[in-house]
Amino acid sequence: NNNIQGEPDPNEIGGSKIKDGKRIAMKAGDW
């Protein structure tokens, strides 16, 4: 993905899906 300046950032990796991840529900006030 690109950084805020619009340049590719190798530390910001995107993807289409995650397999075997843990689902976490957040609501107002949660960190």
PDB file of all heavy atoms in Angstrom:
ATOM      1  N   ASN A   1       0.839  -1.204   0.000  1.00  0.00           N
ATOM      2  CA  ASN A   1       0.000   0.000   0.000  1.00  0.00           C
ATOM      3  C   ASN A   1       0.871   1.250   0.000  1.00  0.00           C
ATOM      4  O   ASN A   1       2.057   1.202   0.345  1.00  0.00           O
ATOM      5  CB  ASN A   1      -0.922   0.011   1.218  1.00  0.00           C
ATOM      6  CG  ASN A   1      -1.989  -1.051   1.135  1.00  0.00           C
ATOM      7  OD1 ASN A   1      -2.424  -1.443   0.069  1.00  0.00           O
ATOM      8  ND2 ASN A   1      -2.407  -1.540   2.284  1.00  0.00           N
ATOM      9  N   ASN A   2       0.267   2.371  -0.352  1.00  0.00           N
ATOM     10  CA  ASN A   2       0.976   3.651  -0.341  1.00  0.00           C
ATOM     11  C   ASN A   2       0.909   4.294   1.037  1.00  0.00           C
ATOM     12  O   ASN A   2      -0.039   4.084   1.787  1.00  0.00           O
ATOM     13  CB  ASN A   2       0.371   4.606  -1.368  1.00  0.00           C
ATOM     14  CG  ASN A   2       0.627   4.157  -2.783  1.00  0.00           C
ATOM     15  OD1 ASN A   2       1.520   3.352  -3.044  1.00  0.00           O
ATOM     16  ND2 ASN A   2      -0.145   4.665  -3.711  1.00  0.00           N
ATOM     17  N   ASN A   3       1.926   5.116   1.332  1.00  0.00           N
ATOM     18  CA  ASN A   3       1.920   5.893   2.569  1.00  0.00           C
ATOM     19  C   ASN A   3       1.109   7.169   2.350  1.00  0.00           C
ATOM     20  O   ASN A   3       0.524   7.376   1.284  1.00  0.00           O
ATOM     21  CB  ASN A   3       3.344   6.183   3.043  1.00  0.00           C
ATOM     22  CG  ASN A   3       4.147   6.983   2.033  1.00  0.00           C
ATOM     23  OD1 ASN A   3       3.606   7.671   1.172  1.00  0.00           O
ATOM     24  ND2 ASN A   3       5.456   6.901   2.132  1.00  0.00           N
ATOM     25  N   ILE A   4       1.094   8.037   3.341  1.00  0.00           N
ATOM     26  CA  ILE A   4       0.286   9.259   3.278  1.00  0.00           C
ATOM     27  C   ILE A   4       0.763  10.200   2.170  1.00  0.00           C
ATOM     28  O   ILE A   4      -0.007  11.006   1.643  1.00  0.00           O
ATOM     29  CB  ILE A   4       0.258   9.959   4.659  1.00  0.00           C
ATOM     30  CG1 ILE A   4      -0.871  10.963   4.721  1.00  0.00           C
ATOM     31  CG2 ILE A   4       1.596  10.585   4.979  1.00  0.00           C
ATOM     32  CD1 ILE A   4      -1.195  11.450   6.104  1.00  0.00           C
ATOM     33  N   GLN A   5       2.032  10.075   1.763  1.00  0.00           N
ATOM     34  CA  GLN A   5       2.560  10.896   0.676  1.00  0.00           C
ATOM     35  C   GLN A   5       2.257  10.293  -0.701  1.00  0.00           C
ATOM     36  O   GLN A   5       2.648  10.837  -1.721  1.00  0.00           O
ATOM     37  CB  GLN A   5       4.085  11.072   0.812  1.00  0.00           C
ATOM     38  CG  GLN A   5       4.515  11.943   1.974  1.00  0.00           C
ATOM     39  CD  GLN A   5       4.550  11.184   3.292  1.00  0.00           C
ATOM     40  OE1 GLN A   5       4.610   9.962   3.330  1.00  0.00           O
ATOM     41  NE2 GLN A   5       4.500  11.919   4.388  1.00  0.00           N
ATOM     42  N   GLY A   6       1.596   9.127  -0.721  1.00  0.00           N
ATOM     43  CA  GLY A   6       1.245   8.483  -1.978  1.00  0.00           C
ATOM     44  C   GLY A   6       2.340   7.611  -2.571  1.00  0.00           C
ATOM     45  O   GLY A   6       2.252   7.179  -3.713  1.00  0.00           O
ATOM     46  N   GLU A   7       3.375   7.324  -1.779  1.00  0.00           N
ATOM     47  CA  GLU A   7       4.489   6.493  -2.237  1.00  0.00           C
ATOM     48  C   GLU A   7       4.350   5.084  -1.667  1.00  0.00           C
ATOM     49  O   GLU A   7       3.872   4.905  -0.542  1.00  0.00           O
ATOM     50  CB  GLU A   7       5.814   7.099  -1.777  1.00  0.00           C
ATOM     51  CG  GLU A   7       6.029   8.514  -2.282  1.00  0.00           C
ATOM     52  CD  GLU A   7       7.145   9.230  -1.540  1.00  0.00           C
ATOM     53  OE1 GLU A   7       7.597   8.731  -0.484  1.00  0.00           O
ATOM     54  OE2 GLU A   7       7.547  10.303  -2.005  1.00  0.00           O
ATOM     55  N   PRO A   8       4.766   4.054  -2.419  1.00  0.00           N
ATOM     56  CA  PRO A   8       4.713   2.680  -1.902  1.00  0.00           C
ATOM     57  C   PRO A   8       5.496   2.548  -0.596  1.00  0.00           C
ATOM     58  O   PRO A   8       6.601   3.056  -0.466  1.00  0.00           O
ATOM     59  CB  PRO A   8       5.367   1.847  -3.009  1.00  0.00           C
ATOM     60  CG  PRO A   8       5.215   2.670  -4.238  1.00  0.00           C
ATOM     61  CD  PRO A   8       5.289   4.105  -3.780  1.00  0.00           C
ATOM     62  N   ASP A   9       4.884   1.895   0.391  1.00  0.00           N
ATOM     63  CA  ASP A   9       5.506   1.700   1.710  1.00  0.00           C
ATOM     64  C   ASP A   9       5.561   0.207   2.002  1.00  0.00           C
ATOM     65  O   ASP A   9       4.534  -0.407   2.291  1.00  0.00           O
ATOM     66  CB  ASP A   9       4.695   2.421   2.779  1.00  0.00           C
ATOM     67  CG  ASP A   9       5.316   2.333   4.163  1.00  0.00           C
ATOM     68  OD1 ASP A   9       6.239   1.514   4.371  1.00  0.00           O
ATOM     69  OD2 ASP A   9       4.864   3.082   5.051  1.00  0.00           O
ATOM     70  N   PRO A  10       6.756  -0.399   1.945  1.00  0.00           N
ATOM     71  CA  PRO A  10       6.873  -1.845   2.154  1.00  0.00           C
ATOM     72  C   PRO A  10       6.452  -2.306   3.550  1.00  0.00           C
ATOM     73  O   PRO A  10       6.271  -3.494   3.780  1.00  0.00           O
ATOM     74  CB  PRO A  10       8.353  -2.133   1.901  1.00  0.00           C
ATOM     75  CG  PRO A  10       9.042  -0.831   2.052  1.00  0.00           C
ATOM     76  CD  PRO A  10       8.043   0.232   1.689  1.00  0.00           C
ATOM     77  N   ASN A  11       6.263  -1.369   4.484  1.00  0.00           N
ATOM     78  CA  ASN A  11       5.789  -1.731   5.826  1.00  0.00           C
ATOM     79  C   ASN A  11       4.268  -1.733   5.925  1.00  0.00           C
ATOM     80  O   ASN A  11       3.711  -2.108   6.948  1.00  0.00           O
ATOM     81  CB  ASN A  11       6.367  -0.788   6.880  1.00  0.00           C
ATOM     82  CG  ASN A  11       7.852  -0.960   7.040  1.00  0.00           C
ATOM     83  OD1 ASN A  11       8.351  -2.090   7.058  1.00  0.00           O
ATOM     84  ND2 ASN A  11       8.574   0.126   7.121  1.00  0.00           N
ATOM     85  N   GLU A  12       3.588  -1.285   4.869  1.00  0.00           N
ATOM     86  CA  GLU A  12       2.123  -1.258   4.840  1.00  0.00           C
ATOM     87  C   GLU A  12       1.641  -2.235   3.769  1.00  0.00           C
ATOM     88  O   GLU A  12       1.510  -1.877   2.603  1.00  0.00           O
ATOM     89  CB  GLU A  12       1.603   0.151   4.562  1.00  0.00           C
ATOM     90  CG  GLU A  12       1.797   1.116   5.708  1.00  0.00           C
ATOM     91  CD  GLU A  12       0.941   0.781   6.919  1.00  0.00           C
ATOM     92  OE1 GLU A  12      -0.143   0.178   6.761  1.00  0.00           O
ATOM     93  OE2 GLU A  12       1.353   1.117   8.028  1.00  0.00           O
ATOM     94  N   ILE A  13       1.395  -3.467   4.170  1.00  0.00           N
ATOM     95  CA  ILE A  13       1.009  -4.519   3.232  1.00  0.00           C
ATOM     96  C   ILE A  13      -0.480  -4.783   3.353  1.00  0.00           C
ATOM     97  O   ILE A  13      -0.997  -4.979   4.448  1.00  0.00           O
ATOM     98  CB  ILE A  13       1.816  -5.805   3.505  1.00  0.00           C
ATOM     99  CG1 ILE A  13       3.302  -5.512   3.314  1.00  0.00           C
ATOM    100  CG2 ILE A  13       1.358  -6.935   2.593  1.00  0.00           C
ATOM    101  CD1 ILE A  13       4.213  -6.631   3.716  1.00  0.00           C
ATOM    102  N   GLY A  14      -1.172  -4.763   2.230  1.00  0.00           N
ATOM    103  CA  GLY A  14      -2.596  -5.060   2.191  1.00  0.00           C
ATOM    104  C   GLY A  14      -2.816  -6.447   1.621  1.00  0.00           C
ATOM    105  O   GLY A  14      -1.879  -7.118   1.191  1.00  0.00           O
ATOM    106  N   GLY A  15      -4.048  -6.878   1.607  1.00  0.00           N
ATOM    107  CA  GLY A  15      -4.381  -8.187   1.057  1.00  0.00           C
ATOM    108  C   GLY A  15      -5.867  -8.321   0.819  1.00  0.00           C
ATOM    109  O   GLY A  15      -6.654  -7.448   1.195  1.00  0.00           O
ATOM    110  N   SER A  16      -6.236  -9.432   0.188  1.00  0.00           N
ATOM    111  CA  SER A  16      -7.641  -9.653  -0.146  1.00  0.00           C
ATOM    112  C   SER A  16      -8.405 -10.357   0.967  1.00  0.00           C
ATOM    113  O   SER A  16      -9.600 -10.139   1.136  1.00  0.00           O
ATOM    114  CB  SER A  16      -7.759 -10.454  -1.434  1.00  0.00           C
ATOM    115  OG  SER A  16      -7.084 -11.691  -1.313  1.00  0.00           O
ATOM    116  N   LYS A  17      -7.727 -11.227   1.735  1.00  0.00           N
ATOM    117  CA  LYS A  17      -8.410 -11.908   2.842  1.00  0.00           C
ATOM    118  C   LYS A  17      -7.383 -12.481   3.817  1.00  0.00           C
ATOM    119  O   LYS A  17      -6.213 -12.614   3.500  1.00  0.00           O
ATOM    120  CB  LYS A  17      -9.318 -13.016   2.329  1.00  0.00           C
ATOM    121  CG  LYS A  17      -8.590 -14.208   1.759  1.00  0.00           C
ATOM    122  CD  LYS A  17      -9.585 -15.289   1.357  1.00  0.00           C
ATOM    123  CE  LYS A  17      -8.850 -16.519   0.847  1.00  0.00           C
ATOM    124  NZ  LYS A  17      -9.764 -17.613   0.550  1.00  0.00           N
ATOM    125  N   ILE A  18      -7.875 -12.810   4.998  1.00  0.00           N
ATOM    126  CA  ILE A  18      -7.075 -13.462   6.037  1.00  0.00           C
ATOM    127  C   ILE A  18      -7.725 -14.795   6.355  1.00  0.00           C
ATOM    128  O   ILE A  18      -8.939 -14.866   6.574  1.00  0.00           O
ATOM    129  CB  ILE A  18      -6.988 -12.604   7.317  1.00  0.00           C
ATOM    130  CG1 ILE A  18      -6.199 -11.318   7.038  1.00  0.00           C
ATOM    131  CG2 ILE A  18      -6.354 -13.393   8.455  1.00  0.00           C
ATOM    132  CD1 ILE A  18      -6.139 -10.365   8.219  1.00  0.00           C
ATOM    133  N   LYS A  19      -6.921 -15.847   6.380  1.00  0.00           N
ATOM    134  CA  LYS A  19      -7.421 -17.177   6.734  1.00  0.00           C
ATOM    135  C   LYS A  19      -6.893 -17.546   8.124  1.00  0.00           C
ATOM    136  O   LYS A  19      -5.738 -17.285   8.442  1.00  0.00           O
ATOM    137  CB  LYS A  19      -6.954 -18.212   5.713  1.00  0.00           C
ATOM    138  CG  LYS A  19      -7.495 -19.594   5.980  1.00  0.00           C
ATOM    139  CD  LYS A  19      -7.083 -20.580   4.917  1.00  0.00           C
ATOM    140  CE  LYS A  19      -7.656 -21.950   5.259  1.00  0.00           C
ATOM    141  NZ  LYS A  19      -7.215 -22.964   4.313  1.00  0.00           N
ATOM    142  N   ASP A  20      -7.751 -18.131   8.938  1.00  0.00           N
ATOM    143  CA  ASP A  20      -7.416 -18.599  10.288  1.00  0.00           C
ATOM    144  C   ASP A  20      -7.056 -17.477  11.251  1.00  0.00           C
ATOM    145  O   ASP A  20      -6.316 -17.685  12.198  1.00  0.00           O
ATOM    146  CB  ASP A  20      -6.279 -19.635  10.248  1.00  0.00           C
ATOM    147  CG  ASP A  20      -6.668 -20.876   9.461  1.00  0.00           C
ATOM    148  OD1 ASP A  20      -7.853 -21.255   9.493  1.00  0.00           O
ATOM    149  OD2 ASP A  20      -5.786 -21.459   8.799  1.00  0.00           O
ATOM    150  N   GLY A  21      -7.597 -16.277  11.021  1.00  0.00           N
ATOM    151  CA  GLY A  21      -7.378 -15.178  11.957  1.00  0.00           C
ATOM    152  C   GLY A  21      -8.414 -15.204  13.073  1.00  0.00           C
ATOM    153  O   GLY A  21      -9.424 -15.899  12.995  1.00  0.00           O
ATOM    154  N   LYS A  22      -8.165 -14.439  14.110  1.00  0.00           N
ATOM    155  CA  LYS A  22      -9.081 -14.327  15.244  1.00  0.00           C
ATOM    156  C   LYS A  22      -9.991 -13.120  15.022  1.00  0.00           C
ATOM    157  O   LYS A  22      -9.522 -12.029  14.716  1.00  0.00           O
ATOM    158  CB  LYS A  22      -8.287 -14.148  16.535  1.00  0.00           C
ATOM    159  CG  LYS A  22      -9.143 -13.994  17.764  1.00  0.00           C
ATOM    160  CD  LYS A  22      -8.298 -13.819  19.004  1.00  0.00           C
ATOM    161  CE  LYS A  22      -9.190 -13.611  20.217  1.00  0.00           C
ATOM    162  NZ  LYS A  22      -8.400 -13.359  21.423  1.00  0.00           N
ATOM    163  N   ARG A  23     -11.295 -13.324  15.175  1.00  0.00           N
ATOM    164  CA  ARG A  23     -12.262 -12.233  15.035  1.00  0.00           C
ATOM    165  C   ARG A  23     -12.425 -11.516  16.372  1.00  0.00           C
ATOM    166  O   ARG A  23     -12.628 -12.161  17.403  1.00  0.00           O
ATOM    167  CB  ARG A  23     -13.593 -12.759  14.542  1.00  0.00           C
ATOM    168  CG  ARG A  23     -13.524 -13.242  13.103  1.00  0.00           C
ATOM    169  CD  ARG A  23     -14.828 -13.846  12.668  1.00  0.00           C
ATOM    170  NE  ARG A  23     -15.935 -12.966  13.016  1.00  0.00           N
ATOM    171  CZ  ARG A  23     -16.883 -12.570  12.178  1.00  0.00           C
ATOM    172  NH1 ARG A  23     -16.872 -12.988  10.951  1.00  0.00           N
ATOM    173  NH2 ARG A  23     -17.850 -11.778  12.574  1.00  0.00           N
ATOM    174  N   ILE A  24     -12.360 -10.199  16.316  1.00  0.00           N
ATOM    175  CA  ILE A  24     -12.492  -9.372  17.511  1.00  0.00           C
ATOM    176  C   ILE A  24     -13.530  -8.297  17.236  1.00  0.00           C
ATOM    177  O   ILE A  24     -13.387  -7.506  16.300  1.00  0.00           O
ATOM    178  CB  ILE A  24     -11.144  -8.723  17.884  1.00  0.00           C
ATOM    179  CG1 ILE A  24     -10.098  -9.800  18.157  1.00  0.00           C
ATOM    180  CG2 ILE A  24     -11.309  -7.790  19.083  1.00  0.00           C
ATOM    181  CD1 ILE A  24      -8.684  -9.299  18.198  1.00  0.00           C
ATOM    182  N   ALA A  25     -14.591  -8.273  18.042  1.00  0.00           N
ATOM    183  CA  ALA A  25     -15.642  -7.264  17.903  1.00  0.00           C
ATOM    184  C   ALA A  25     -15.304  -6.070  18.785  1.00  0.00           C
ATOM    185  O   ALA A  25     -14.949  -6.232  19.952  1.00  0.00           O
ATOM    186  CB  ALA A  25     -16.992  -7.848  18.292  1.00  0.00           C
ATOM    187  N   MET A  26     -15.398  -4.887  18.213  1.00  0.00           N
ATOM    188  CA  MET A  26     -15.160  -3.662  18.976  1.00  0.00           C
ATOM    189  C   MET A  26     -16.417  -2.807  18.979  1.00  0.00           C
ATOM    190  O   MET A  26     -17.157  -2.765  17.994  1.00  0.00           O
ATOM    191  CB  MET A  26     -14.018  -2.850  18.350  1.00  0.00           C
ATOM    192  CG  MET A  26     -12.657  -3.489  18.466  1.00  0.00           C
ATOM    193  SD  MET A  26     -11.373  -2.419  17.743  1.00  0.00           S
ATOM    194  CE  MET A  26     -11.317  -1.082  18.956  1.00  0.00           C
ATOM    195  N   LYS A  27     -16.620  -2.114  20.089  1.00  0.00           N
ATOM    196  CA  LYS A  27     -17.711  -1.154  20.214  1.00  0.00           C
ATOM    197  C   LYS A  27     -17.137   0.125  20.815  1.00  0.00           C
ATOM    198  O   LYS A  27     -15.964   0.157  21.204  1.00  0.00           O
ATOM    199  CB  LYS A  27     -18.827  -1.727  21.085  1.00  0.00           C
ATOM    200  CG  LYS A  27     -18.402  -2.012  22.502  1.00  0.00           C
ATOM    201  CD  LYS A  27     -19.508  -2.688  23.274  1.00  0.00           C
ATOM    202  CE  LYS A  27     -19.139  -2.957  24.712  1.00  0.00           C
ATOM    203  NZ  LYS A  27     -17.819  -3.449  25.004  1.00  0.00           N
ATOM    204  N   ALA A  28     -17.935   1.151  20.885  1.00  0.00           N
ATOM    205  CA  ALA A  28     -17.477   2.439  21.405  1.00  0.00           C
ATOM    206  C   ALA A  28     -16.783   2.270  22.755  1.00  0.00           C
ATOM    207  O   ALA A  28     -17.294   1.585  23.642  1.00  0.00           O
ATOM    208  CB  ALA A  28     -18.650   3.401  21.528  1.00  0.00           C
ATOM    209  N   GLY A  29     -15.595   2.847  22.871  1.00  0.00           N
ATOM    210  CA  GLY A  29     -14.814   2.792  24.106  1.00  0.00           C
ATOM    211  C   GLY A  29     -13.744   1.716  24.118  1.00  0.00           C
ATOM    212  O   GLY A  29     -12.850   1.748  24.952  1.00  0.00           O
ATOM    213  N   ASP A  30     -13.819   0.751  23.200  1.00  0.00           N
ATOM    214  CA  ASP A  30     -12.841  -0.347  23.162  1.00  0.00           C
ATOM    215  C   ASP A  30     -11.531   0.084  22.501  1.00  0.00           C
ATOM    216  O   ASP A  30     -11.528   0.919  21.595  1.00  0.00           O
ATOM    217  CB  ASP A  30     -13.394  -1.549  22.392  1.00  0.00           C
ATOM    218  CG  ASP A  30     -14.505  -2.266  23.128  1.00  0.00           C
ATOM    219  OD1 ASP A  30     -14.700  -2.015  24.335  1.00  0.00           O
ATOM    220  OD2 ASP A  30     -15.186  -3.087  22.482  1.00  0.00           O
ATOM    221  N   TRP A  31     -10.437  -0.533  22.971  1.00  0.00           N
ATOM    222  CA  TRP A  31      -9.101  -0.348  22.403  1.00  0.00           C
ATOM    223  C   TRP A  31      -8.615  -1.692  21.868  1.00  0.00           C
ATOM    224  O   TRP A  31      -8.948  -2.733  22.420  1.00  0.00           O
ATOM    225  CB  TRP A  31      -8.121   0.122  23.463  1.00  0.00           C
ATOM    226  CG  TRP A  31      -8.327   1.521  23.943  1.00  0.00           C
ATOM    227  CD1 TRP A  31      -9.156   1.929  24.958  1.00  0.00           C
ATOM    228  CD2 TRP A  31      -7.711   2.696  23.441  1.00  0.00           C
ATOM    229  NE1 TRP A  31      -9.088   3.286  25.108  1.00  0.00           N
ATOM    230  CE2 TRP A  31      -8.187   3.786  24.188  1.00  0.00           C
ATOM    231  CE3 TRP A  31      -6.780   2.939  22.427  1.00  0.00           C
ATOM    232  CZ2 TRP A  31      -7.782   5.091  23.956  1.00  0.00           C
ATOM    233  CZ3 TRP A  31      -6.371   4.246  22.205  1.00  0.00           C
ATOM    234  CH2 TRP A  31      -6.877   5.303  22.962  1.00  0.00           C
TER     235      TRP A  31
END
